[in-house]
Amino acid sequence: MKAGLGLVCSVLLLSACASRQPPAQTATLQAAFVARMLPHAKPAAEELGVAPELIVAHAALESGWGQRPIRQPDGSDSHNLFSLKATRSWEGDTTKIWTTEYLKGRKLKRQEVFRAYPSFGAAFDDYAALLLRLNRYADVRNQGDDAEAFARALHAGGYATDPAYVEKLVGVAHGLQLL
């Protein structure tokens, strides 16, 4: 239990440091992000059989609590809170940005094409549809409020290449409980 709490504190501290905001202001920004995203997360969570807070935690991790949005070329927000890439089958709008990937243990910067949405609601809907449609994410479904099982299943399904992804997502999810 102490190790888990230490990880949560570390993640929250790193979030505060990365935001370049005083810790109290960071907590306020994080609480505002949760309040804004929770209504969008609830229908997606119901479809997936997971707690809406896990989906909000995933969006928070991927978007830096909404402070690092994926931008369109004109500077507008793509509303892609989950860093979903645009595959060949994607028929919606896209935007291209630089991102960090881990390939064979090596950290690389690459340009990738990401999905773009007209709203946050559309992003949450597509996120749930993707996790429901692809068999590789079958273990993500029906995890209830088990943050570790949810994060492990996402990572095992290939959602992220960061070797520390599970710990980061679990830390953010547990941190939501402290807000």
Protein backbone atom coordinates (compact mmCIF):
# COMPACT_ATOMS: atom_id res chain seq x y z
CA MET A 1 0.00 0.00 0.00
CA LYS A 2 2.80 2.43 0.83
CA ALA A 3 4.45 1.85 -2.56
CA GLY A 4 1.14 2.56 -4.32
CA LEU A 5 0.62 5.78 -2.40
CA GLY A 6 4.20 6.80 -3.14
CA LEU A 7 3.60 6.25 -6.85
CA VAL A 8 0.41 8.30 -6.73
CA CYS A 9 2.21 11.14 -4.97
CA SER A 10 5.06 10.94 -7.49
CA VAL A 11 2.67 11.09 -10.45
CA LEU A 12 0.80 14.05 -8.97
CA LEU A 13 4.06 15.82 -8.18
CA LEU A 14 5.35 15.20 -11.70
CA SER A 15 2.03 16.46 -13.09
CA ALA A 16 2.41 19.61 -11.02
CA CYS A 17 6.02 20.12 -12.14
CA ALA A 18 5.21 19.44 -15.79
CA SER A 19 2.33 21.90 -15.76
CA ARG A 20 4.54 24.83 -14.72
CA GLN A 21 1.73 25.87 -12.38
CA PRO A 22 1.76 26.11 -8.58
CA PRO A 23 0.48 22.83 -7.04
CA ALA A 24 -2.80 24.39 -5.83
CA GLN A 25 -3.48 25.79 -9.29
CA THR A 26 -2.57 22.42 -10.84
CA ALA A 27 -5.06 20.65 -8.57
CA THR A 28 -7.71 23.18 -9.60
CA LEU A 29 -6.94 22.60 -13.31
CA GLN A 30 -7.08 18.85 -12.79
CA ALA A 31 -10.41 19.04 -10.94
CA ALA A 32 -11.82 21.25 -13.71
CA PHE A 33 -10.65 18.73 -16.33
CA VAL A 34 -12.35 15.89 -14.46
CA ALA A 35 -15.59 17.87 -14.08
CA ARG A 36 -15.58 18.78 -17.78
CA MET A 37 -14.79 15.27 -19.06
CA LEU A 38 -16.79 13.09 -16.67
CA PRO A 39 -20.13 13.64 -18.46
CA HIS A 40 -18.52 12.46 -21.73
CA ALA A 41 -16.86 9.51 -20.02
CA LYS A 42 -20.01 8.10 -18.43
CA PRO A 43 -21.66 6.74 -21.60
CA ALA A 44 -18.34 5.35 -22.86
CA ALA A 45 -17.68 3.74 -19.49
CA GLU A 46 -21.10 2.13 -19.44
CA GLU A 47 -20.47 0.61 -22.88
CA LEU A 48 -17.05 -0.67 -21.84
CA GLY A 49 -18.01 -1.88 -18.37
CA VAL A 50 -15.43 0.26 -16.58
CA ALA A 51 -15.60 3.14 -14.12
CA PRO A 52 -15.88 6.53 -15.86
CA GLU A 53 -12.98 7.76 -13.70
CA LEU A 54 -10.67 5.27 -15.47
CA ILE A 55 -11.58 6.75 -18.83
CA VAL A 56 -11.07 10.28 -17.53
CA ALA A 57 -7.70 9.18 -16.09
CA HIS A 58 -6.73 7.80 -19.49
CA ALA A 59 -7.69 11.08 -21.17
CA ALA A 60 -5.78 13.01 -18.48
CA LEU A 61 -2.63 10.96 -19.00
CA GLU A 62 -2.74 11.23 -22.78
CA SER A 63 -3.54 14.94 -22.87
CA GLY A 64 -1.64 16.22 -19.84
CA TRP A 65 -4.94 16.99 -18.11
CA GLY A 66 -6.04 18.80 -21.26
CA GLN A 67 -3.01 21.10 -21.17
CA ARG A 68 -1.23 19.41 -24.12
CA PRO A 69 -3.93 19.11 -26.81
CA ILE A 70 -3.19 17.67 -30.21
CA ARG A 71 -3.54 20.70 -32.47
CA GLN A 72 -4.77 21.03 -36.03
CA PRO A 73 -2.49 22.87 -38.49
CA ASP A 74 -4.55 26.03 -37.93
CA GLY A 75 -3.96 25.77 -34.17
CA SER A 76 -7.45 24.57 -33.27
CA ASP A 77 -7.99 21.65 -30.92
CA SER A 78 -8.41 18.19 -32.48
CA HIS A 79 -10.34 17.08 -29.35
CA ASN A 80 -8.27 13.86 -29.50
CA LEU A 81 -7.79 13.37 -25.76
CA PHE A 82 -6.73 9.73 -26.16
CA SER A 83 -3.96 10.20 -28.75
CA LEU A 84 -5.74 7.87 -31.16
CA LYS A 85 -3.81 7.48 -34.39
CA ALA A 86 -5.53 7.56 -37.75
CA THR A 87 -5.14 4.20 -39.47
CA ARG A 88 -5.90 3.61 -43.14
CA SER A 89 -9.47 2.69 -42.28
CA TRP A 90 -10.10 6.03 -40.50
CA GLU A 91 -12.47 8.17 -42.57
CA GLY A 92 -12.57 11.29 -40.39
CA ASP A 93 -10.39 14.37 -40.12
CA THR A 94 -6.71 14.02 -39.21
CA THR A 95 -3.76 16.03 -38.07
CA LYS A 96 -0.05 15.24 -38.12
CA ILE A 97 2.18 15.90 -35.10
CA TRP A 98 5.49 14.86 -33.59
CA THR A 99 5.17 12.21 -30.89
CA THR A 100 7.38 9.97 -28.79
CA GLU A 101 7.31 6.22 -29.41
CA TYR A 102 9.29 3.40 -27.85
CA LEU A 103 10.48 0.87 -30.39
CA LYS A 104 12.53 -2.08 -29.22
CA GLY A 105 13.27 -0.19 -26.00
CA ARG A 106 14.47 2.94 -27.78
CA LYS A 107 12.75 6.29 -27.34
CA LEU A 108 12.15 7.91 -30.73
CA LYS A 109 10.50 11.10 -31.97
CA ARG A 110 8.33 10.52 -35.04
CA GLN A 111 5.66 12.29 -36.99
CA GLU A 112 2.36 10.42 -36.85
CA VAL A 113 -1.15 11.05 -38.15
CA PHE A 114 -3.82 11.34 -35.46
CA ARG A 115 -7.59 11.39 -35.55
CA ALA A 116 -9.38 14.73 -35.19
CA TYR A 117 -12.90 15.17 -33.85
CA PRO A 118 -15.48 17.96 -33.88
CA SER A 119 -16.01 17.67 -30.11
CA PHE A 120 -14.87 15.91 -26.94
CA GLY A 121 -18.09 13.88 -27.00
CA ALA A 122 -17.19 12.51 -30.43
CA ALA A 123 -13.71 11.61 -29.16
CA PHE A 124 -15.12 9.65 -26.21
CA ASP A 125 -17.63 7.89 -28.49
CA ASP A 126 -14.89 6.86 -30.93
CA TYR A 127 -12.62 5.73 -28.10
CA ALA A 128 -15.31 3.40 -26.74
CA ALA A 129 -16.17 2.12 -30.23
CA LEU A 130 -12.51 1.35 -30.94
CA LEU A 131 -12.02 -0.55 -27.67
CA LEU A 132 -15.23 -2.49 -28.30
CA ARG A 133 -14.48 -3.27 -31.95
CA LEU A 134 -10.89 -4.49 -31.74
CA ASN A 135 -10.40 -7.95 -30.24
CA ARG A 136 -6.97 -7.02 -28.94
CA TYR A 137 -8.74 -4.82 -26.35
CA ALA A 138 -11.20 -7.50 -25.17
CA ASP A 139 -9.51 -7.62 -21.76
CA VAL A 140 -10.01 -3.87 -21.28
CA ARG A 141 -13.75 -4.42 -21.10
CA ASN A 142 -15.64 -5.12 -17.89
CA GLN A 143 -12.80 -4.19 -15.55
CA GLY A 144 -15.08 -2.11 -13.30
CA ASP A 145 -12.91 0.19 -11.20
CA ASP A 146 -9.75 -1.96 -11.35
CA ALA A 147 -7.24 0.63 -12.60
CA GLU A 148 -4.35 -1.79 -12.79
CA ALA A 149 -6.26 -4.43 -14.81
CA PHE A 150 -7.58 -1.69 -17.13
CA ALA A 151 -4.11 -0.22 -17.68
CA ARG A 152 -2.46 -3.62 -18.16
CA ALA A 153 -5.08 -4.64 -20.71
CA LEU A 154 -4.63 -1.40 -22.67
CA HIS A 155 -0.86 -1.85 -22.72
CA ALA A 156 -1.07 -5.55 -23.62
CA GLY A 157 -3.43 -4.66 -26.47
CA GLY A 158 -0.80 -2.33 -27.90
CA TYR A 159 -2.40 0.99 -26.96
CA ALA A 160 0.92 2.54 -25.93
CA THR A 161 4.59 1.77 -26.45
CA ASP A 162 5.88 3.44 -23.27
CA PRO A 163 7.24 0.68 -21.00
CA ALA A 164 6.09 2.66 -17.92
CA TYR A 165 2.57 3.21 -19.28
CA VAL A 166 0.77 0.92 -16.84
CA GLU A 167 2.34 2.60 -13.81
CA LYS A 168 1.64 6.06 -15.18
CA LEU A 169 -2.02 5.35 -15.91
CA VAL A 170 -2.57 3.64 -12.56
CA GLY A 171 -0.93 6.60 -10.82
CA VAL A 172 -3.20 9.09 -12.56
CA ALA A 173 -6.28 6.96 -11.84
CA HIS A 174 -5.41 6.73 -8.16
CA GLY A 175 -4.61 10.43 -8.14
CA LEU A 176 -8.15 11.22 -9.28
CA GLN A 177 -9.35 9.84 -5.96
CA LEU A 178 -7.35 12.53 -4.18
CA LEU A 179 -8.96 15.45 -6.05
